N, C-alpha and C. Protein backbone atom coordinates (compact mmCIF):
# COMPACT_ATOMS: atom_id res chain seq x y z
N MET A 1 75.56 -12.96 119.51
CA MET A 1 74.93 -11.48 118.86
C MET A 1 74.06 -12.08 118.23
N SER A 2 72.58 -12.07 118.70
CA SER A 2 71.49 -11.54 118.31
C SER A 2 71.27 -11.83 116.71
N ASN A 3 70.84 -12.98 116.27
CA ASN A 3 70.17 -12.77 114.69
C ASN A 3 70.43 -11.70 114.17
N ASN A 4 69.21 -10.97 114.86
CA ASN A 4 68.49 -9.21 114.72
C ASN A 4 69.71 -8.31 114.29
N ILE A 5 70.63 -8.23 115.26
CA ILE A 5 71.65 -7.46 115.05
C ILE A 5 72.76 -8.23 113.72
N LYS A 6 72.85 -9.06 113.63
CA LYS A 6 73.97 -9.46 113.04
C LYS A 6 73.38 -8.89 111.74
N ASN A 7 71.95 -9.21 111.49
CA ASN A 7 71.59 -8.24 110.12
C ASN A 7 71.31 -6.95 110.08
N ILE A 8 71.03 -6.31 111.32
CA ILE A 8 71.29 -4.62 111.20
C ILE A 8 72.75 -4.93 110.87
N THR A 9 74.14 -5.41 111.49
CA THR A 9 75.05 -5.16 111.15
C THR A 9 75.44 -5.26 109.48
N ASN A 10 75.09 -6.35 108.95
CA ASN A 10 75.48 -6.53 107.35
C ASN A 10 74.79 -5.29 106.43
N ALA A 11 73.26 -5.01 107.23
CA ALA A 11 73.06 -4.35 106.32
C ALA A 11 73.33 -2.66 106.50
N ALA A 12 74.34 -2.23 107.67
CA ALA A 12 74.70 -1.04 107.61
C ALA A 12 76.04 -0.79 107.18
N ARG A 13 76.62 -1.95 106.31
CA ARG A 13 77.72 -1.93 105.02
C ARG A 13 77.52 -1.09 104.12
N VAL A 14 78.01 -0.24 103.87
CA VAL A 14 77.93 0.91 102.62
C VAL A 14 79.05 0.52 101.57
N VAL A 15 78.73 1.14 100.51
CA VAL A 15 79.52 0.67 99.09
C VAL A 15 80.86 1.03 99.37
N ASN A 16 81.12 2.17 99.93
CA ASN A 16 82.66 2.60 99.98
C ASN A 16 83.28 1.99 101.75
N LYS A 17 82.34 1.14 102.29
CA LYS A 17 83.08 0.47 102.92
C LYS A 17 82.95 1.26 104.61
N ARG A 18 82.59 2.60 104.36
CA ARG A 18 83.10 3.32 105.61
C ARG A 18 81.37 3.04 106.84
N PRO A 19 81.49 3.22 107.81
CA PRO A 19 80.27 3.05 108.35
C PRO A 19 79.24 4.18 108.30
N PHE A 20 78.11 3.17 108.56
CA PHE A 20 76.46 4.04 108.46
C PHE A 20 76.85 4.92 109.26
N ARG A 21 76.35 6.67 108.76
CA ARG A 21 76.70 7.63 109.52
C ARG A 21 75.10 8.11 109.93
N VAL A 22 75.08 8.24 111.53
CA VAL A 22 73.85 8.80 111.77
C VAL A 22 74.15 9.99 113.20
N SER A 23 73.78 11.14 112.49
CA SER A 23 73.83 12.15 114.15
C SER A 23 72.84 12.29 114.64
N ILE A 24 73.17 12.60 115.69
CA ILE A 24 72.07 12.46 116.99
C ILE A 24 71.81 14.33 116.95
N GLU A 25 70.70 14.91 116.94
CA GLU A 25 70.48 16.26 116.64
C GLU A 25 69.53 16.65 117.46
N GLY A 26 69.25 17.91 118.08
CA GLY A 26 68.71 18.30 119.25
C GLY A 26 68.94 20.00 119.90
N ASN A 27 68.59 20.52 120.47
CA ASN A 27 68.59 21.52 121.42
C ASN A 27 69.23 21.30 122.57
N ILE A 28 70.35 21.91 123.66
CA ILE A 28 70.51 21.94 124.64
C ILE A 28 69.45 21.45 125.04
N GLY A 29 70.13 20.03 126.40
CA GLY A 29 68.81 19.50 127.35
C GLY A 29 68.28 18.52 126.19
N SER A 30 67.88 18.55 125.70
CA SER A 30 67.07 17.80 124.69
C SER A 30 67.27 15.91 124.79
N GLY A 31 68.12 15.06 125.32
CA GLY A 31 68.26 13.92 125.15
C GLY A 31 69.27 13.40 124.58
N LYS A 32 70.58 13.96 123.94
CA LYS A 32 70.70 13.04 122.79
C LYS A 32 71.96 12.35 123.60
N SER A 33 72.22 12.30 124.82
CA SER A 33 73.45 11.21 125.36
C SER A 33 72.80 10.27 126.15
N THR A 34 71.58 10.90 126.74
CA THR A 34 70.76 9.32 126.98
C THR A 34 70.57 8.43 125.30
N CYS A 35 70.30 9.87 124.48
CA CYS A 35 69.60 8.85 123.17
C CYS A 35 70.57 7.81 122.81
N ILE A 36 72.25 7.81 122.50
CA ILE A 36 73.29 7.71 122.52
C ILE A 36 73.21 6.27 123.32
N LYS A 37 73.42 6.76 124.67
CA LYS A 37 73.43 5.67 125.55
C LYS A 37 72.64 4.08 125.56
N TYR A 38 71.42 4.49 124.86
CA TYR A 38 70.49 3.51 124.52
C TYR A 38 70.65 2.62 123.50
N PHE A 39 71.36 2.57 123.20
CA PHE A 39 72.56 1.64 121.58
C PHE A 39 73.78 1.27 122.51
N ASP A 40 73.51 1.39 123.48
CA ASP A 40 75.54 0.51 123.84
C ASP A 40 75.12 -1.09 124.10
N LYS A 41 73.86 -1.42 123.67
CA LYS A 41 74.15 -3.36 123.94
C LYS A 41 73.99 -3.43 122.19
N TYR A 42 74.48 -2.81 120.45
CA TYR A 42 74.62 -3.11 120.18
C TYR A 42 76.42 -3.27 119.57
N PRO A 43 77.35 -3.88 119.67
CA PRO A 43 78.72 -3.80 119.51
C PRO A 43 78.44 -3.67 118.10
N ASN A 44 78.45 -3.57 116.84
CA ASN A 44 78.71 -2.68 115.98
C ASN A 44 78.28 -1.66 115.80
N VAL A 45 77.88 -0.80 116.84
CA VAL A 45 77.84 0.70 117.49
C VAL A 45 78.93 1.66 117.64
N GLU A 46 79.19 2.88 116.90
CA GLU A 46 80.28 3.46 117.44
C GLU A 46 79.51 4.31 118.12
N LYS A 47 80.08 5.20 119.29
CA LYS A 47 79.46 6.06 119.43
C LYS A 47 80.14 6.73 120.35
N HIS A 48 79.54 8.36 119.91
CA HIS A 48 80.70 9.79 120.18
C HIS A 48 79.83 10.64 120.39
N ALA A 49 79.76 10.52 122.14
CA ALA A 49 79.07 11.81 122.79
C ALA A 49 79.94 12.99 122.38
N GLU A 50 78.70 13.95 122.65
CA GLU A 50 79.49 15.95 122.68
C GLU A 50 80.73 15.79 123.42
N PRO A 51 81.84 16.11 123.00
CA PRO A 51 82.98 16.51 123.50
C PRO A 51 83.31 17.71 124.24
N ILE A 52 82.06 17.56 125.26
CA ILE A 52 82.30 18.72 126.26
C ILE A 52 83.74 18.83 126.75
N ALA A 53 84.01 17.60 127.43
CA ALA A 53 85.68 17.68 128.43
C ALA A 53 86.95 18.30 127.37
N GLU A 54 86.39 18.37 125.98
CA GLU A 54 87.75 19.00 125.50
C GLU A 54 87.54 20.01 125.42
N TRP A 55 86.68 20.81 125.31
CA TRP A 55 85.66 21.81 124.80
C TRP A 55 85.95 22.93 126.11
N ARG A 56 86.39 22.24 127.42
CA ARG A 56 86.22 23.01 128.48
C ARG A 56 87.87 22.88 129.25
N ASN A 57 88.70 22.28 128.10
CA ASN A 57 90.18 22.27 128.36
C ASN A 57 90.69 22.46 127.47
N VAL A 58 91.03 23.34 126.49
CA VAL A 58 91.93 23.95 125.41
C VAL A 58 93.47 24.34 125.75
N SER A 59 93.86 23.49 125.88
CA SER A 59 95.21 23.78 126.53
C SER A 59 95.19 24.60 127.41
N GLY A 60 94.27 24.20 128.74
CA GLY A 60 93.98 24.93 129.89
C GLY A 60 92.83 25.90 129.36
N HIS A 61 92.21 26.43 128.52
CA HIS A 61 90.92 27.19 128.55
C HIS A 61 89.80 26.90 128.25
N ASN A 62 88.61 27.20 129.28
CA ASN A 62 87.31 26.64 129.11
C ASN A 62 87.10 27.21 128.21
N LEU A 63 86.52 26.88 126.71
CA LEU A 63 85.83 27.60 125.41
C LEU A 63 84.82 27.78 126.11
N LEU A 64 83.97 26.65 126.16
CA LEU A 64 82.78 26.83 126.47
C LEU A 64 82.33 27.64 127.54
N GLY A 65 83.26 27.88 128.80
CA GLY A 65 82.81 28.57 129.68
C GLY A 65 83.07 30.32 129.47
N LEU A 66 83.93 30.21 128.36
CA LEU A 66 84.10 31.55 127.54
C LEU A 66 83.11 31.94 126.49
N LEU A 67 82.63 30.44 126.06
CA LEU A 67 81.25 31.28 124.94
C LEU A 67 80.38 31.42 125.65
N TYR A 68 79.93 30.94 126.88
CA TYR A 68 78.32 31.43 127.54
C TYR A 68 78.61 33.01 128.12
N SER A 69 79.73 32.72 128.85
CA SER A 69 80.54 34.30 129.48
C SER A 69 80.23 35.41 128.91
N ASP A 70 80.41 35.38 127.66
CA ASP A 70 80.30 36.61 126.22
C ASP A 70 80.07 35.96 124.94
N MET A 71 79.13 36.09 124.28
CA MET A 71 79.03 35.42 123.10
C MET A 71 79.34 36.30 122.20
N ASN A 72 79.37 37.41 122.13
CA ASN A 72 80.07 38.18 121.03
C ASN A 72 81.16 38.06 120.99
N GLU A 73 82.24 37.88 122.11
CA GLU A 73 83.61 37.68 122.10
C GLU A 73 83.76 36.35 121.53
N TRP A 74 83.53 35.52 122.26
CA TRP A 74 83.92 33.94 122.50
C TRP A 74 83.43 32.88 121.16
N SER A 75 82.45 33.55 120.02
CA SER A 75 81.83 32.90 119.05
C SER A 75 82.47 32.25 118.51
N PHE A 76 83.44 33.21 117.93
CA PHE A 76 84.34 32.50 116.69
C PHE A 76 85.14 31.71 116.98
N ALA A 77 85.84 32.14 117.69
CA ALA A 77 87.08 31.02 118.23
C ALA A 77 86.56 29.17 118.91
N PHE A 78 84.61 29.25 119.55
CA PHE A 78 84.38 28.43 119.68
C PHE A 78 83.70 27.44 118.74
N GLN A 79 83.44 28.35 117.86
CA GLN A 79 82.79 27.68 116.44
C GLN A 79 84.15 26.61 115.86
N HIS A 80 85.24 27.87 115.90
CA HIS A 80 86.13 27.56 114.80
C HIS A 80 86.49 25.56 115.86
N TYR A 81 86.57 25.90 117.02
CA TYR A 81 87.16 24.43 117.69
C TYR A 81 86.10 23.60 117.62
N VAL A 82 85.15 23.81 117.38
CA VAL A 82 84.05 23.01 117.87
C VAL A 82 83.97 22.28 116.15
N HIS A 83 84.16 22.83 115.00
CA HIS A 83 84.16 22.30 114.00
C HIS A 83 85.06 21.35 113.83
N LEU A 84 86.43 21.43 114.48
CA LEU A 84 87.64 20.53 114.40
C LEU A 84 86.94 19.37 115.20
N SER A 85 86.99 19.75 116.39
CA SER A 85 86.68 18.12 117.23
C SER A 85 85.15 17.33 116.46
N ARG A 86 84.36 18.57 115.93
CA ARG A 86 83.34 17.52 115.44
C ARG A 86 84.18 16.61 113.81
N LEU A 87 84.62 17.28 113.20
CA LEU A 87 85.52 16.92 112.15
C LEU A 87 86.47 15.60 112.03
N LYS A 88 86.89 15.58 113.64
CA LYS A 88 88.16 14.64 114.13
C LYS A 88 86.62 13.11 114.28
N ILE A 89 85.48 13.35 115.01
CA ILE A 89 84.61 12.36 115.30
C ILE A 89 84.04 12.17 114.10
N GLN A 90 83.82 13.26 112.94
CA GLN A 90 83.09 11.95 111.58
C GLN A 90 83.59 11.66 111.08
N THR A 91 85.00 11.66 110.79
CA THR A 91 85.60 11.22 109.91
C THR A 91 87.03 10.36 110.27
N SER A 92 87.29 10.25 111.55
CA SER A 92 87.90 9.43 111.89
C SER A 92 87.76 7.45 111.29
N PRO A 93 88.68 6.97 111.12
CA PRO A 93 88.58 5.12 111.08
C PRO A 93 87.75 5.00 112.11
N PRO A 94 86.60 4.04 111.97
CA PRO A 94 86.24 3.10 112.90
C PRO A 94 87.32 2.35 114.06
N SER A 95 86.95 2.63 115.11
CA SER A 95 88.20 1.72 115.87
C SER A 95 87.96 0.24 115.94
N ASN A 96 87.52 -0.36 115.33
CA ASN A 96 87.64 -1.67 114.87
C ASN A 96 87.18 -2.12 113.45
N PRO A 97 87.19 -3.32 113.11
CA PRO A 97 87.02 -3.28 111.87
C PRO A 97 85.30 -3.95 111.91
N ASN A 98 84.23 -4.74 113.10
CA ASN A 98 83.61 -4.88 112.91
C ASN A 98 82.16 -3.69 113.74
N ILE A 99 82.64 -2.66 113.80
CA ILE A 99 81.71 -1.29 113.27
C ILE A 99 81.45 -1.09 111.77
N THR A 100 79.84 -1.11 112.32
CA THR A 100 79.06 -0.94 110.64
C THR A 100 78.21 0.39 110.88
N VAL A 101 78.36 0.67 111.84
CA VAL A 101 77.24 2.22 112.60
C VAL A 101 78.30 3.08 113.36
N LYS A 102 78.34 4.30 113.19
CA LYS A 102 79.18 5.14 113.78
C LYS A 102 77.65 6.19 113.92
N MET A 103 77.75 6.44 115.50
CA MET A 103 76.98 7.18 115.85
C MET A 103 77.36 8.44 116.61
N PHE A 104 77.29 9.57 116.72
CA PHE A 104 77.72 11.03 117.16
C PHE A 104 76.18 12.19 117.27
N GLU A 105 76.77 12.87 118.41
CA GLU A 105 76.15 13.48 119.08
C GLU A 105 76.56 15.03 118.32
N ARG A 106 75.76 14.88 117.67
CA ARG A 106 75.64 16.38 116.83
C ARG A 106 77.00 15.94 115.23
N SER A 107 76.78 17.13 114.58
CA SER A 107 77.49 16.84 113.38
C SER A 107 78.38 18.41 112.93
N VAL A 108 78.98 18.42 112.06
CA VAL A 108 79.82 19.32 111.32
C VAL A 108 79.10 20.20 110.31
N GLN A 109 77.93 19.29 109.91
CA GLN A 109 76.66 20.11 109.42
C GLN A 109 76.17 20.94 110.69
N ASN A 110 75.68 20.63 111.54
CA ASN A 110 75.05 20.91 112.23
C ASN A 110 75.68 22.27 112.92
N SER A 111 77.35 22.14 112.88
CA SER A 111 77.75 23.34 113.61
C SER A 111 77.86 24.71 111.91
N ARG A 112 78.02 24.22 111.04
CA ARG A 112 77.30 25.44 110.03
C ARG A 112 75.61 25.69 109.91
N HIS A 113 75.01 25.24 109.65
CA HIS A 113 73.41 25.19 109.47
C HIS A 113 72.84 25.75 110.64
N CYS A 114 72.91 25.67 111.69
CA CYS A 114 72.53 25.81 113.14
C CYS A 114 73.14 26.48 114.01
N PHE A 115 74.04 26.58 114.43
CA PHE A 115 75.26 27.54 115.42
C PHE A 115 75.82 28.61 114.77
N VAL A 116 76.49 28.52 113.67
CA VAL A 116 76.88 29.13 112.80
C VAL A 116 75.97 30.36 112.41
N GLU A 117 75.04 29.77 111.83
CA GLU A 117 74.00 30.86 111.12
C GLU A 117 73.14 30.95 112.20
N ASN A 118 73.07 30.90 113.66
CA ASN A 118 72.04 31.54 114.61
C ASN A 118 73.03 32.94 115.21
N SER A 119 74.51 32.28 115.56
CA SER A 119 75.36 33.31 115.85
C SER A 119 75.57 34.61 115.09
N LYS A 120 75.54 34.53 113.54
CA LYS A 120 75.79 35.27 112.98
C LYS A 120 74.32 36.41 112.93
N LYS A 121 73.12 35.72 112.89
CA LYS A 121 71.68 35.98 113.15
C LYS A 121 71.67 37.25 114.33
N GLN A 122 72.02 36.35 115.48
CA GLN A 122 72.03 37.00 116.81
C GLN A 122 73.36 38.02 117.11
N ASP A 123 74.33 38.60 115.94
CA ASP A 123 75.39 39.13 115.52
C ASP A 123 76.76 38.67 116.34
N PHE A 124 76.69 37.78 117.53
CA PHE A 124 78.02 37.07 117.67
C PHE A 124 79.09 36.89 116.97
N LEU A 125 78.70 36.89 115.75
CA LEU A 125 79.77 36.93 114.53
C LEU A 125 79.62 38.02 113.76
N LYS A 126 81.31 38.72 113.63
CA LYS A 126 81.11 39.70 112.67
C LYS A 126 80.81 38.92 110.91
N ASP A 127 80.70 40.17 110.14
CA ASP A 127 80.70 39.38 108.58
C ASP A 127 81.83 38.55 108.42
N PRO A 128 83.57 39.41 108.32
CA PRO A 128 84.61 38.38 108.89
C PRO A 128 84.36 37.24 109.07
N GLU A 129 84.34 37.14 110.41
CA GLU A 129 84.11 35.82 110.73
C GLU A 129 83.63 34.83 110.11
N TYR A 130 82.22 35.09 109.88
CA TYR A 130 81.34 34.34 109.10
C TYR A 130 81.77 33.97 108.23
N GLN A 131 82.45 34.73 107.19
CA GLN A 131 82.50 34.01 105.59
C GLN A 131 84.04 33.00 106.03
N VAL A 132 84.68 33.83 106.88
CA VAL A 132 85.99 32.51 107.30
C VAL A 132 85.66 30.97 107.41
N LEU A 133 84.72 31.15 108.32
CA LEU A 133 83.80 29.79 108.86
C LEU A 133 82.86 29.51 107.70
N LEU A 134 82.56 29.90 107.02
CA LEU A 134 81.79 29.42 105.93
C LEU A 134 82.72 28.88 104.77
N GLN A 135 83.37 29.50 104.38
CA GLN A 135 84.30 28.86 104.03
C GLN A 135 85.80 27.84 104.18
N TRP A 136 85.29 27.91 105.57
CA TRP A 136 86.13 26.62 106.19
C TRP A 136 85.11 25.15 105.93
N PHE A 137 84.02 25.20 105.85
CA PHE A 137 83.03 24.72 105.76
C PHE A 137 83.00 24.18 104.38
N ASP A 138 83.29 24.72 103.82
CA ASP A 138 82.90 24.41 102.21
C ASP A 138 84.26 23.64 101.61
N TYR A 139 85.23 24.10 102.26
CA TYR A 139 86.82 23.71 102.04
C TYR A 139 85.91 22.13 102.31
N THR A 140 85.89 21.90 103.55
CA THR A 140 85.60 20.65 104.42
C THR A 140 85.15 19.41 103.58
N GLU A 141 83.55 20.20 103.14
CA GLU A 141 82.51 19.68 102.34
C GLU A 141 83.09 18.86 100.90
N LYS A 142 84.00 20.17 100.14
CA LYS A 142 84.54 19.60 99.43
C LYS A 142 85.57 17.96 98.91
N TYR A 143 86.54 18.74 100.13
CA TYR A 143 87.80 17.81 100.22
C TYR A 143 87.40 16.58 100.91
N LEU A 144 86.38 16.54 102.00
CA LEU A 144 86.34 15.70 102.67
C LEU A 144 84.86 14.61 102.84
N ASP A 145 84.58 13.54 103.66
CA ASP A 145 83.65 12.85 102.98
C ASP A 145 82.85 13.51 104.37
N ILE A 146 82.15 13.94 104.49
CA ILE A 146 81.62 14.38 105.75
C ILE A 146 79.88 14.29 105.65
N SER A 147 79.65 13.10 104.60
CA SER A 147 78.20 12.72 104.64
C SER A 147 77.23 12.44 105.58
N LEU A 148 76.06 12.40 105.62
CA LEU A 148 75.38 11.67 106.38
C LEU A 148 74.54 10.86 106.16
N ASP A 149 73.84 9.78 106.92
CA ASP A 149 73.08 8.78 106.11
C ASP A 149 72.10 8.93 107.10
N LEU A 150 71.77 9.54 108.27
CA LEU A 150 70.63 9.45 109.00
C LEU A 150 70.96 10.60 109.35
N ILE A 151 70.10 11.73 109.94
CA ILE A 151 69.82 12.55 111.39
C ILE A 151 68.34 11.89 111.73
N VAL A 152 68.54 12.04 113.04
CA VAL A 152 67.71 11.77 114.22
C VAL A 152 68.12 12.94 115.23
N TYR A 153 66.39 13.62 114.67
CA TYR A 153 65.99 14.82 115.68
C TYR A 153 65.15 14.79 116.36
N LEU A 154 65.82 14.84 117.72
CA LEU A 154 65.14 15.09 118.99
C LEU A 154 64.68 16.54 119.32
N ARG A 155 63.04 16.45 119.06
CA ARG A 155 62.78 17.75 118.68
C ARG A 155 62.04 18.09 120.01
N THR A 156 62.00 19.36 120.58
CA THR A 156 61.79 19.30 121.79
C THR A 156 61.07 21.29 121.62
N THR A 157 60.40 21.99 122.66
CA THR A 157 60.34 23.20 123.30
C THR A 157 61.37 23.67 123.94
N PRO A 158 61.46 24.46 123.40
CA PRO A 158 62.59 25.60 124.05
C PRO A 158 61.68 26.03 125.91
N LYS A 159 61.04 25.64 126.79
CA LYS A 159 60.69 26.03 127.51
C LYS A 159 60.92 24.62 127.99
N THR A 160 60.77 23.32 127.51
CA THR A 160 61.12 22.10 128.31
C THR A 160 62.36 21.82 128.32
N VAL A 161 63.45 21.95 127.83
CA VAL A 161 64.71 21.93 127.36
C VAL A 161 65.59 22.92 128.67
N TRP A 162 65.11 24.05 128.36
CA TRP A 162 65.41 25.22 129.45
C TRP A 162 65.54 24.70 131.45
N GLU A 163 64.10 23.86 131.18
CA GLU A 163 64.14 23.44 132.62
C GLU A 163 64.71 22.52 132.81
N ARG A 164 64.90 21.22 131.67
CA ARG A 164 65.74 20.42 131.70
C ARG A 164 67.02 20.66 132.29
N MET A 165 67.64 21.71 131.15
CA MET A 165 69.07 22.42 131.54
C MET A 165 69.44 22.98 133.14
N MET A 166 68.34 23.79 133.35
CA MET A 166 68.72 23.83 135.08
C MET A 166 69.20 23.22 135.64
N LYS A 167 67.99 21.79 135.56
CA LYS A 167 67.70 20.93 136.62
C LYS A 167 68.94 20.42 136.92
N ARG A 168 69.73 19.98 135.65
CA ARG A 168 71.22 19.41 135.31
C ARG A 168 72.35 19.66 135.80
N GLY A 169 72.24 21.59 135.97
CA GLY A 169 73.01 22.07 136.87
C GLY A 169 74.21 22.50 136.12
N ARG A 170 74.56 22.38 134.96
CA ARG A 170 76.46 22.41 134.61
C ARG A 170 76.42 24.17 134.48
N ALA A 171 78.05 23.87 134.99
CA ALA A 171 78.29 25.45 135.19
C ALA A 171 78.11 26.45 134.38
N GLU A 172 78.86 26.19 133.25
CA GLU A 172 78.68 26.78 132.18
C GLU A 172 77.16 27.23 131.54
N GLU A 173 76.30 26.58 131.92
CA GLU A 173 74.71 26.74 131.27
C GLU A 173 74.05 27.65 132.02
N SER A 174 74.15 27.98 133.31
CA SER A 174 73.66 28.65 134.76
C SER A 174 72.78 29.88 134.31
N GLU A 175 73.81 30.64 132.97
CA GLU A 175 73.06 31.86 133.03
C GLU A 175 72.65 31.78 131.38
N VAL A 176 72.71 30.50 130.65
CA VAL A 176 71.70 30.72 129.65
C VAL A 176 69.79 31.17 129.03
N PRO A 177 70.09 31.94 129.06
CA PRO A 177 68.41 32.60 128.88
C PRO A 177 67.75 31.70 128.13
N LEU A 178 66.36 31.82 128.53
CA LEU A 178 65.38 30.71 127.47
C LEU A 178 65.21 31.14 126.21
N GLU A 179 65.73 32.54 126.29
CA GLU A 179 65.72 33.08 124.75
C GLU A 179 66.39 32.65 123.35
N TYR A 180 68.02 32.29 124.24
CA TYR A 180 68.72 31.68 123.40
C TYR A 180 68.61 30.09 123.07
N LEU A 181 67.66 29.17 123.90
CA LEU A 181 67.39 28.16 123.32
C LEU A 181 66.22 28.30 122.28
N GLU A 182 65.13 29.25 122.49
CA GLU A 182 64.41 29.51 121.46
C GLU A 182 64.77 29.47 120.25
N GLN A 183 66.19 30.67 120.24
CA GLN A 183 66.51 30.87 118.91
C GLN A 183 67.37 29.73 118.23
N VAL A 184 67.94 28.81 119.51
CA VAL A 184 69.00 27.52 118.23
C VAL A 184 67.69 26.92 117.96
N HIS A 185 66.53 26.61 118.36
CA HIS A 185 65.08 25.97 118.36
C HIS A 185 64.77 26.01 117.08
N GLU A 186 64.86 27.37 117.02
CA GLU A 186 64.73 28.11 115.39
C GLU A 186 65.26 27.88 114.05
N SER A 187 66.60 27.80 114.40
CA SER A 187 67.64 27.41 114.12
C SER A 187 67.43 26.01 113.52
N TYR A 188 67.45 25.10 114.07
CA TYR A 188 67.46 23.76 114.03
C TYR A 188 65.64 23.82 112.24
N GLU A 189 64.75 24.36 113.28
CA GLU A 189 63.76 24.21 112.45
C GLU A 189 63.87 24.10 111.23
N ASN A 190 64.28 25.51 110.85
CA ASN A 190 65.18 26.18 109.38
C ASN A 190 65.98 25.02 108.61
N TRP A 191 66.99 24.62 109.25
CA TRP A 191 68.20 23.77 109.10
C TRP A 191 67.38 22.85 108.37
N LEU A 192 66.35 22.04 109.67
CA LEU A 192 66.20 20.38 109.38
C LEU A 192 64.93 20.33 108.30
N SER A 193 64.41 21.19 107.80
CA SER A 193 63.25 21.55 107.20
C SER A 193 63.60 22.10 105.48
N SER A 194 64.79 22.09 105.50
CA SER A 194 65.75 22.57 104.14
C SER A 194 65.53 21.41 102.74
N PRO A 195 64.98 21.69 101.78
CA PRO A 195 64.96 20.31 100.86
C PRO A 195 66.70 19.81 100.46
N ASP A 196 67.22 20.58 100.88
CA ASP A 196 68.43 20.54 100.15
C ASP A 196 69.52 19.72 101.47
N ILE A 197 68.68 19.12 102.69
CA ILE A 197 69.58 18.46 103.73
C ILE A 197 70.66 17.54 103.31
N GLY A 198 70.06 16.47 102.52
CA GLY A 198 70.90 15.19 101.78
C GLY A 198 70.99 14.55 102.62
N CYS A 199 70.37 13.73 103.82
CA CYS A 199 70.18 12.75 103.94
C CYS A 199 68.29 12.91 104.35
N GLU A 200 67.94 11.61 105.14
CA GLU A 200 66.89 11.58 105.53
C GLU A 200 66.82 11.95 107.31
N VAL A 201 65.29 12.68 107.74
CA VAL A 201 65.49 13.09 108.92
C VAL A 201 64.47 12.43 109.76
N LEU A 202 64.71 11.71 110.56
CA LEU A 202 63.83 10.72 111.45
C LEU A 202 62.85 11.80 112.81
N THR A 203 61.99 12.13 112.80
CA THR A 203 62.08 13.29 114.21
C THR A 203 61.43 13.00 115.08
N ILE A 204 61.77 12.76 116.50
CA ILE A 204 61.47 11.91 117.39
C ILE A 204 60.82 13.05 118.81
N ASP A 205 59.79 12.74 119.08
CA ASP A 205 59.15 14.04 119.93
C ASP A 205 59.58 13.80 121.29
N ALA A 206 61.07 14.70 121.74
CA ALA A 206 61.09 14.36 123.11
C ALA A 206 61.21 15.36 124.02
N ASP A 207 60.52 15.95 123.59
CA ASP A 207 59.41 16.85 124.88
C ASP A 207 58.68 15.71 126.29
N ARG A 208 58.12 14.46 126.14
CA ARG A 208 57.89 13.53 126.38
C ARG A 208 58.91 12.62 127.52
N GLY A 209 58.59 12.09 128.25
CA GLY A 209 59.20 11.50 129.35
C GLY A 209 59.92 10.32 128.31
N LEU A 210 61.27 9.93 129.06
CA LEU A 210 62.02 9.32 128.96
C LEU A 210 61.46 7.82 128.32
N ASP A 211 60.76 7.48 128.79
CA ASP A 211 59.98 6.14 128.52
C ASP A 211 59.56 6.15 127.23
N CYS A 212 58.93 7.32 126.98
CA CYS A 212 58.52 7.11 125.47
C CYS A 212 59.29 7.31 124.27
N VAL A 213 60.41 8.04 124.61
CA VAL A 213 61.27 8.04 123.95
C VAL A 213 62.34 7.38 123.82
N ARG A 214 61.94 6.13 124.31
CA ARG A 214 62.84 4.88 124.41
C ARG A 214 61.85 4.31 123.62
N GLU A 215 61.00 4.35 123.71
CA GLU A 215 59.70 3.12 123.04
C GLU A 215 60.29 3.57 121.79
N ASP A 216 60.15 4.31 120.94
CA ASP A 216 60.23 5.09 120.15
C ASP A 216 61.49 4.99 119.31
N LEU A 217 63.06 4.95 119.98
CA LEU A 217 64.13 4.43 119.64
C LEU A 217 64.07 2.89 119.37
N ASP A 218 63.14 2.53 119.92
CA ASP A 218 62.91 1.07 120.13
C ASP A 218 62.76 0.45 119.02
N ARG A 219 61.46 1.26 118.72
CA ARG A 219 60.74 1.34 117.28
C ARG A 219 61.31 1.56 116.03
N TYR A 220 62.25 2.45 116.17
CA TYR A 220 62.88 2.67 115.38
C TYR A 220 64.59 2.36 114.92
N SER A 221 64.80 1.22 115.93
CA SER A 221 66.20 0.72 116.16
C SER A 221 66.36 0.56 114.55
N TYR A 222 65.96 -0.34 113.55
CA TYR A 222 66.53 -0.75 112.24
C TYR A 222 67.04 0.07 111.44
N LYS A 223 65.98 1.07 111.32
CA LYS A 223 66.22 2.35 110.44
C LYS A 223 67.67 3.51 111.07
N ILE A 224 67.14 3.38 112.26
CA ILE A 224 68.46 4.32 112.52
C ILE A 224 69.59 3.08 113.05
N LEU A 225 69.75 1.98 113.00
CA LEU A 225 70.94 1.30 112.80
C LEU A 225 71.32 0.38 111.25
N GLY A 226 70.77 1.62 110.31
CA GLY A 226 71.00 1.47 108.56
C GLY A 226 70.10 -0.07 108.33
N GLY A 227 69.61 -0.35 108.79
CA GLY A 227 69.00 -2.06 108.08
C GLY A 227 67.81 -1.59 107.00
N ASN A 228 67.36 0.35 106.90
CA ASN A 228 67.43 0.19 105.85
C ASN A 228 68.26 0.55 104.43
N HIS A 229 69.32 0.80 104.44
CA HIS A 229 70.60 1.16 103.54
C HIS A 229 70.62 -0.20 102.39
N THR A 230 70.46 0.24 101.46
CA THR A 230 71.03 -1.11 100.40
C THR A 230 71.91 -1.46 99.80
N ASN A 231 72.74 -1.96 99.85
CA ASN A 231 74.06 -2.39 99.19
C ASN A 231 74.21 -2.04 98.01
């Protein structure tokens, strides 16, 4: 391990001994999975991609497919399950004692402040369903440590990510309209511009080519891996 990585490892240790938590945020098709893979070279980083396979098989049910087929019918069940799956990732202990950074694709906070809010705004959630999800989040936040140390926001324009989404060809996404991505983008902008977000937000222009994004990840890697955190 290089001295630089050792320094990052030591700097990322926090007072309560949990790993430094980094949530990679962005619209569908913004490059979140690619961003996470970039940090494969750091052995002290535990990485979690979005659990798509899990959402496609909930005791034999494809919740992701059901959601995109009828958002009015399935948003409540899907958001409930997403909250649970993100909570498991965010609060589970590190896989080994050398892990000092935990990086994951989207967060419990994202579910609450972005997708649940958007679902309510678009009338995909009835008010009683919305209130249940809010109370579920409030209880989680009160009794579990779901705090984030850094959000990396891969900012994109909706048209760019729609074109990427059509190109990658996930079956469940084939019918997702550009309008939905515009709504998600607006929810992200509202959430991440809030003064009450609770952690620093590092914004990267992800409309550019992959090489440019990788250059930014390299430039900001010390910050992303907790190097600016004070013990």
